[in-house]
N, C-alpha and C. Protein backbone atom coordinates (compact mmCIF):
# COMPACT_ATOMS: atom_id res chain seq x y z
N MET A 1 0.67 -1.17 0.31
CA MET A 1 0.00 0.15 -0.16
C MET A 1 0.75 1.05 0.08
N ALA A 2 2.01 1.28 0.59
CA ALA A 2 2.87 2.44 1.05
C ALA A 2 3.63 2.78 -0.25
N ALA A 3 3.66 1.53 -1.09
CA ALA A 3 4.69 1.78 -2.40
C ALA A 3 3.35 2.20 -3.50
N TYR A 4 2.33 2.14 -3.45
CA TYR A 4 1.40 2.48 -4.40
C TYR A 4 1.07 3.94 -3.83
N ILE A 5 0.93 4.25 -2.83
CA ILE A 5 0.71 5.63 -2.53
C ILE A 5 2.04 6.44 -2.91
N LEU A 6 3.03 6.03 -2.63
CA LEU A 6 4.47 6.78 -2.97
C LEU A 6 4.36 7.08 -4.43
N PHE A 7 4.08 5.85 -5.17
CA PHE A 7 3.83 6.41 -6.75
C PHE A 7 3.03 7.16 -7.46
N GLU A 8 1.84 6.89 -6.45
CA GLU A 8 0.63 7.96 -7.05
C GLU A 8 1.14 9.44 -6.63
N VAL A 9 1.97 9.64 -5.68
CA VAL A 9 2.17 11.16 -5.16
C VAL A 9 3.34 11.51 -6.09
N PHE A 10 4.65 10.82 -6.25
CA PHE A 10 5.78 10.75 -6.79
C PHE A 10 5.61 10.31 -8.33
N ILE A 11 4.99 11.03 -9.28
CA ILE A 11 4.48 10.22 -10.66
C ILE A 11 6.05 10.36 -11.30
N ILE A 12 6.49 8.97 -11.91
CA ILE A 12 7.66 9.00 -12.64
C ILE A 12 7.07 8.99 -14.15
N ASN A 13 6.09 8.22 -14.57
CA ASN A 13 5.61 8.30 -15.95
C ASN A 13 4.22 8.01 -15.85
N TYR A 14 3.50 8.60 -17.13
CA TYR A 14 2.02 8.36 -17.18
C TYR A 14 1.80 7.31 -18.36
N ARG A 15 0.53 6.80 -18.16
CA ARG A 15 0.21 5.60 -19.12
C ARG A 15 0.26 6.16 -20.42
N PRO A 16 0.53 4.87 -21.32
CA PRO A 16 0.64 5.39 -22.75
C PRO A 16 -0.63 5.82 -23.34
N VAL A 17 -1.64 5.45 -22.76
CA VAL A 17 -3.29 5.75 -23.38
C VAL A 17 -3.79 6.64 -22.19
N LEU A 18 -4.97 7.30 -22.64
CA LEU A 18 -5.65 8.22 -21.78
C LEU A 18 -6.74 7.45 -21.03
N ILE A 19 -6.82 7.39 -19.89
CA ILE A 19 -8.23 6.87 -19.34
C ILE A 19 -9.17 7.94 -19.22
N GLU A 20 -10.47 7.86 -19.68
CA GLU A 20 -11.27 8.78 -19.60
C GLU A 20 -11.11 10.21 -19.76
N GLY A 21 -9.75 10.20 -20.87
CA GLY A 21 -9.52 11.48 -20.99
C GLY A 21 -8.46 12.10 -20.41
N CYS A 22 -7.98 11.61 -19.31
CA CYS A 22 -7.03 12.04 -18.48
C CYS A 22 -5.59 10.93 -18.06
N LEU A 23 -4.53 11.71 -17.88
CA LEU A 23 -3.40 10.97 -17.60
C LEU A 23 -3.27 10.55 -16.60
N GLU A 24 -3.02 9.24 -16.19
CA GLU A 24 -2.85 8.76 -14.84
C GLU A 24 -1.32 8.13 -14.66
N ALA A 25 -1.19 7.87 -13.57
CA ALA A 25 0.34 7.27 -13.22
C ALA A 25 0.47 5.90 -13.63
N SER A 26 1.44 5.60 -14.04
CA SER A 26 1.64 4.30 -14.59
C SER A 26 2.81 3.57 -14.00
N TYR A 27 3.52 4.02 -13.52
CA TYR A 27 5.05 3.37 -12.98
C TYR A 27 4.89 3.40 -11.38
N PRO A 28 4.97 2.05 -10.89
CA PRO A 28 4.77 0.51 -11.46
C PRO A 28 3.64 0.45 -11.68
N SER A 29 3.41 -0.74 -12.54
CA SER A 29 2.12 -1.46 -12.63
C SER A 29 1.94 -2.07 -11.54
N SER A 30 0.51 -1.30 -10.76
CA SER A 30 -0.08 -1.87 -9.52
C SER A 30 -0.58 -3.27 -9.94
N THR A 31 -1.10 -3.64 -10.81
CA THR A 31 -1.53 -5.03 -11.30
C THR A 31 -0.64 -6.14 -11.11
N THR A 32 0.47 -5.70 -11.93
CA THR A 32 1.74 -6.75 -11.97
C THR A 32 2.20 -6.90 -10.39
N MET A 33 2.34 -5.55 -9.89
CA MET A 33 3.02 -5.82 -8.29
C MET A 33 2.24 -6.64 -7.55
N LEU A 34 0.75 -6.43 -7.57
CA LEU A 34 -0.15 -7.28 -6.91
C LEU A 34 -0.06 -8.62 -6.99
N VAL A 35 -0.35 -8.79 -8.31
CA VAL A 35 -0.34 -10.61 -8.53
C VAL A 35 0.99 -11.08 -8.38
N MET A 36 2.21 -10.56 -8.57
CA MET A 36 3.43 -10.84 -8.35
C MET A 36 3.74 -10.87 -6.81
N CYS A 37 3.04 -10.32 -6.13
CA CYS A 37 3.34 -10.50 -4.60
C CYS A 37 2.60 -11.52 -3.76
N ALA A 38 1.17 -11.60 -4.44
CA ALA A 38 0.32 -12.54 -3.73
C ALA A 38 0.54 -13.94 -4.28
N MET A 39 0.71 -13.94 -5.34
CA MET A 39 0.88 -15.32 -5.83
C MET A 39 2.24 -16.30 -5.50
N PRO A 40 3.21 -15.79 -5.45
CA PRO A 40 4.33 -16.27 -4.89
C PRO A 40 4.25 -16.54 -3.36
N THR A 41 3.56 -15.52 -2.55
CA THR A 41 3.40 -15.79 -0.97
C THR A 41 2.41 -16.85 -0.98
N ALA A 42 1.40 -17.06 -1.74
CA ALA A 42 0.57 -18.02 -1.73
C ALA A 42 1.20 -19.44 -2.12
N ILE A 43 1.91 -19.44 -3.07
CA ILE A 43 2.62 -20.88 -3.06
C ILE A 43 3.47 -20.99 -1.73
N MET A 44 4.38 -20.06 -1.23
CA MET A 44 4.87 -20.35 -0.13
C MET A 44 3.95 -20.95 1.01
N GLN A 45 2.89 -20.48 1.20
CA GLN A 45 2.27 -20.72 2.17
C GLN A 45 1.38 -22.17 2.10
N PHE A 46 0.92 -22.21 0.92
CA PHE A 46 0.27 -23.60 0.41
C PHE A 46 1.33 -24.85 0.43
N HIS A 47 2.51 -24.35 0.14
CA HIS A 47 3.49 -25.46 0.18
C HIS A 47 3.81 -26.14 1.64
N THR A 48 3.54 -25.33 2.46
CA THR A 48 3.54 -25.77 3.92
C THR A 48 2.12 -26.40 4.09
N ARG A 49 1.12 -26.33 3.58
CA ARG A 49 -0.07 -26.89 4.07
C ARG A 49 -0.56 -27.85 3.12
N ILE A 50 -0.04 -28.21 2.19
CA ILE A 50 -0.46 -29.09 1.13
C ILE A 50 0.62 -30.35 1.16
N LYS A 51 0.27 -31.31 1.46
CA LYS A 51 1.27 -32.37 1.92
C LYS A 51 1.35 -33.14 0.56
N THR A 52 0.42 -33.42 -0.25
CA THR A 52 0.15 -34.13 -1.20
C THR A 52 1.15 -33.54 -2.47
N GLY A 53 2.39 -34.47 -3.09
CA GLY A 53 3.37 -33.91 -3.80
C GLY A 53 2.59 -33.47 -5.16
N TRP A 54 1.59 -34.29 -5.98
CA TRP A 54 1.13 -33.96 -7.22
C TRP A 54 0.15 -32.58 -6.94
N LEU A 55 -0.35 -32.79 -5.96
CA LEU A 55 -1.39 -31.48 -5.71
C LEU A 55 -0.67 -30.21 -5.38
N ARG A 56 0.55 -30.42 -4.86
CA ARG A 56 1.30 -29.05 -4.61
C ARG A 56 1.78 -28.87 -6.07
N LYS A 57 2.35 -29.68 -6.63
CA LYS A 57 2.87 -29.27 -7.90
C LYS A 57 1.75 -28.72 -8.98
N ALA A 58 0.54 -29.04 -8.91
CA ALA A 58 -0.44 -28.45 -9.90
C ALA A 58 -0.95 -27.42 -9.18
N PHE A 59 -1.05 -27.06 -8.00
CA PHE A 59 -1.09 -25.80 -7.56
C PHE A 59 -0.17 -24.64 -7.90
N ASN A 60 1.01 -25.20 -7.69
CA ASN A 60 2.15 -24.24 -7.92
C ASN A 60 2.05 -23.67 -9.73
N TYR A 61 1.69 -24.81 -10.38
CA TYR A 61 1.55 -24.41 -12.04
C TYR A 61 0.44 -23.73 -12.24
N VAL A 62 -0.77 -23.79 -11.67
CA VAL A 62 -1.81 -23.15 -11.86
C VAL A 62 -1.47 -21.62 -11.38
N MET A 63 -0.81 -21.68 -10.30
CA MET A 63 -0.35 -20.14 -9.67
C MET A 63 0.62 -19.49 -10.66
N LEU A 64 1.66 -19.99 -11.10
CA LEU A 64 2.55 -19.52 -11.89
C LEU A 64 1.81 -19.21 -13.41
N ALA A 65 0.91 -20.12 -13.91
CA ALA A 65 0.30 -19.63 -15.35
C ALA A 65 -0.53 -18.40 -14.86
N PHE A 66 -1.27 -18.35 -14.04
CA PHE A 66 -1.98 -17.12 -13.59
C PHE A 66 -1.22 -15.90 -13.49
N THR A 67 -0.07 -16.04 -12.95
CA THR A 67 0.77 -14.88 -12.77
C THR A 67 1.24 -14.53 -14.16
N ALA A 68 1.53 -15.60 -14.95
CA ALA A 68 2.35 -15.11 -16.27
C ALA A 68 1.12 -14.39 -17.00
N PHE A 69 -0.13 -15.02 -17.20
CA PHE A 69 -1.39 -14.51 -17.74
C PHE A 69 -1.52 -13.12 -17.57
N MET A 70 -1.62 -12.79 -15.86
CA MET A 70 -2.03 -11.48 -15.81
C MET A 70 -0.76 -10.36 -16.35
N VAL A 71 0.65 -10.48 -16.12
CA VAL A 71 1.65 -9.97 -16.40
C VAL A 71 1.64 -9.66 -17.80
N ILE A 72 1.58 -10.74 -18.66
CA ILE A 72 1.60 -10.53 -20.14
C ILE A 72 0.43 -9.84 -20.50
N GLY A 73 -0.75 -10.07 -19.74
CA GLY A 73 -1.75 -9.08 -20.32
C GLY A 73 -1.95 -7.78 -20.11
N ARG A 74 -1.15 -7.30 -19.07
CA ARG A 74 -1.13 -5.99 -18.78
C ARG A 74 -0.26 -5.25 -19.76
N LEU A 75 0.90 -6.26 -20.54
CA LEU A 75 1.84 -5.52 -21.33
C LEU A 75 0.97 -5.43 -22.80
N VAL A 76 0.30 -6.60 -23.06
CA VAL A 76 -0.37 -6.75 -24.37
C VAL A 76 -1.68 -5.78 -24.46
N SER A 77 -2.10 -5.49 -23.42
CA SER A 77 -3.48 -4.39 -23.19
C SER A 77 -2.93 -3.17 -23.48
N GLY A 78 -1.68 -2.96 -23.46
CA GLY A 78 -1.53 -1.50 -23.98
C GLY A 78 -1.30 -0.38 -22.66
N VAL A 79 -1.99 -0.76 -21.84
CA VAL A 79 -2.19 0.30 -20.95
C VAL A 79 -1.01 0.73 -19.89
N HIS A 80 0.19 -0.07 -20.23
CA HIS A 80 1.37 0.22 -19.41
C HIS A 80 2.56 -0.06 -20.30
N TRP A 81 3.53 0.73 -20.14
CA TRP A 81 5.00 0.55 -20.65
C TRP A 81 5.56 -0.61 -20.24
N PHE A 82 6.54 -1.06 -20.87
CA PHE A 82 7.53 -2.27 -20.36
C PHE A 82 7.93 -1.80 -19.18
N THR A 83 8.47 -0.79 -19.13
CA THR A 83 9.04 -0.41 -17.57
C THR A 83 8.38 -0.54 -16.69
N ASP A 84 6.81 -0.03 -16.63
CA ASP A 84 6.22 -0.19 -15.64
C ASP A 84 6.05 -1.61 -15.05
N ILE A 85 5.83 -2.62 -16.15
CA ILE A 85 5.88 -3.96 -15.77
C ILE A 85 7.17 -4.49 -14.82
N ILE A 86 8.34 -3.93 -15.54
CA ILE A 86 9.61 -4.49 -14.95
C ILE A 86 9.59 -3.99 -13.63
N GLY A 87 9.19 -2.69 -13.52
CA GLY A 87 9.31 -2.13 -12.16
C GLY A 87 8.30 -2.69 -11.04
N GLY A 88 6.96 -2.88 -11.33
CA GLY A 88 6.45 -3.57 -10.59
C GLY A 88 6.78 -4.96 -10.30
N ALA A 89 7.30 -5.82 -11.25
CA ALA A 89 8.22 -7.23 -11.04
C ALA A 89 9.37 -6.81 -9.87
N LEU A 90 10.05 -5.82 -10.06
CA LEU A 90 11.28 -5.81 -9.35
C LEU A 90 10.96 -5.33 -7.80
N LEU A 91 9.91 -4.43 -7.62
CA LEU A 91 9.28 -4.12 -6.30
C LEU A 91 8.59 -5.11 -5.79
N SER A 92 7.78 -5.84 -6.58
CA SER A 92 7.26 -6.87 -5.90
C SER A 92 8.22 -8.25 -5.48
N ALA A 93 9.34 -8.40 -6.23
CA ALA A 93 10.35 -9.17 -5.83
C ALA A 93 11.05 -8.92 -4.64
N GLY A 94 11.36 -7.74 -4.42
CA GLY A 94 11.79 -7.26 -3.11
C GLY A 94 10.81 -7.16 -1.63
N LEU A 95 9.62 -6.95 -1.96
CA LEU A 95 8.44 -7.54 -1.02
C LEU A 95 8.37 -8.89 -0.70
N VAL A 96 8.23 -9.55 -1.83
CA VAL A 96 8.22 -11.06 -1.59
C VAL A 96 9.58 -11.41 -0.64
N MET A 97 10.68 -11.02 -1.13
CA MET A 97 12.03 -11.44 -0.46
C MET A 97 11.94 -11.18 1.23
N LEU A 98 11.49 -9.78 1.39
CA LEU A 98 10.95 -9.38 2.64
C LEU A 98 10.11 -10.18 3.59
N TYR A 99 9.17 -10.63 2.61
CA TYR A 99 8.25 -11.52 3.26
C TYR A 99 8.65 -12.84 3.81
N TYR A 100 9.66 -13.33 2.80
CA TYR A 100 10.09 -14.65 3.22
C TYR A 100 11.31 -14.46 4.25
N SER A 101 11.92 -13.57 4.23
CA SER A 101 12.77 -13.11 5.63
C SER A 101 12.03 -13.31 6.85
N VAL A 102 11.10 -12.61 6.78
CA VAL A 102 10.22 -12.26 8.20
C VAL A 102 9.73 -13.43 8.52
N CYS A 103 9.02 -14.62 7.48
CA CYS A 103 8.54 -15.46 8.13
C CYS A 103 9.71 -16.58 8.43
N SER A 104 10.92 -16.48 7.80
CA SER A 104 12.11 -17.39 8.08
C SER A 104 12.44 -17.04 9.69
N LEU A 105 12.33 -15.81 9.80
CA LEU A 105 12.70 -15.36 11.45
C LEU A 105 11.96 -15.74 12.35
N GLN A 106 10.73 -15.80 11.99
CA GLN A 106 9.68 -16.63 12.82
C GLN A 106 9.76 -17.97 13.04
N GLY A 107 10.44 -18.75 12.41
CA GLY A 107 10.56 -20.30 12.14
C GLY A 107 9.68 -20.90 11.14
N GLU A 108 8.93 -19.99 10.37
CA GLU A 108 8.32 -20.71 9.34
C GLU A 108 8.96 -21.69 8.34
N ASN A 109 8.68 -22.90 8.18
CA ASN A 109 9.44 -23.30 6.91
C ASN A 109 8.60 -23.37 5.57
N LEU A 110 9.22 -22.29 4.61
CA LEU A 110 8.45 -22.12 3.61
C LEU A 110 8.91 -22.92 2.23
N SER A 111 10.10 -23.35 2.34
CA SER A 111 10.59 -24.12 1.29
C SER A 111 10.42 -25.35 1.20
């Protein structure tokens, strides 16, 4: 939430298309950031909760496919620049690593 607000206040670039006739902040892609934060953390959590190997793998593939679909969809839709997608991915990677580190410090086995 803080990253979203930060980049709404300090606008780096605008969308390549007008939304209802207005320019909107575009960097980083909040959809990319959200999906690339939520899906990896869900995979980590379900890895500890799903004990059946094939079910865990199936769940991982579905989550990864959904993530790829969402990220590629944002790029193909034309509402974001490629740099917006990369920025969202890098920011979410940092947040996921922070999440993993905090969970590891608390003794959770996420791997």
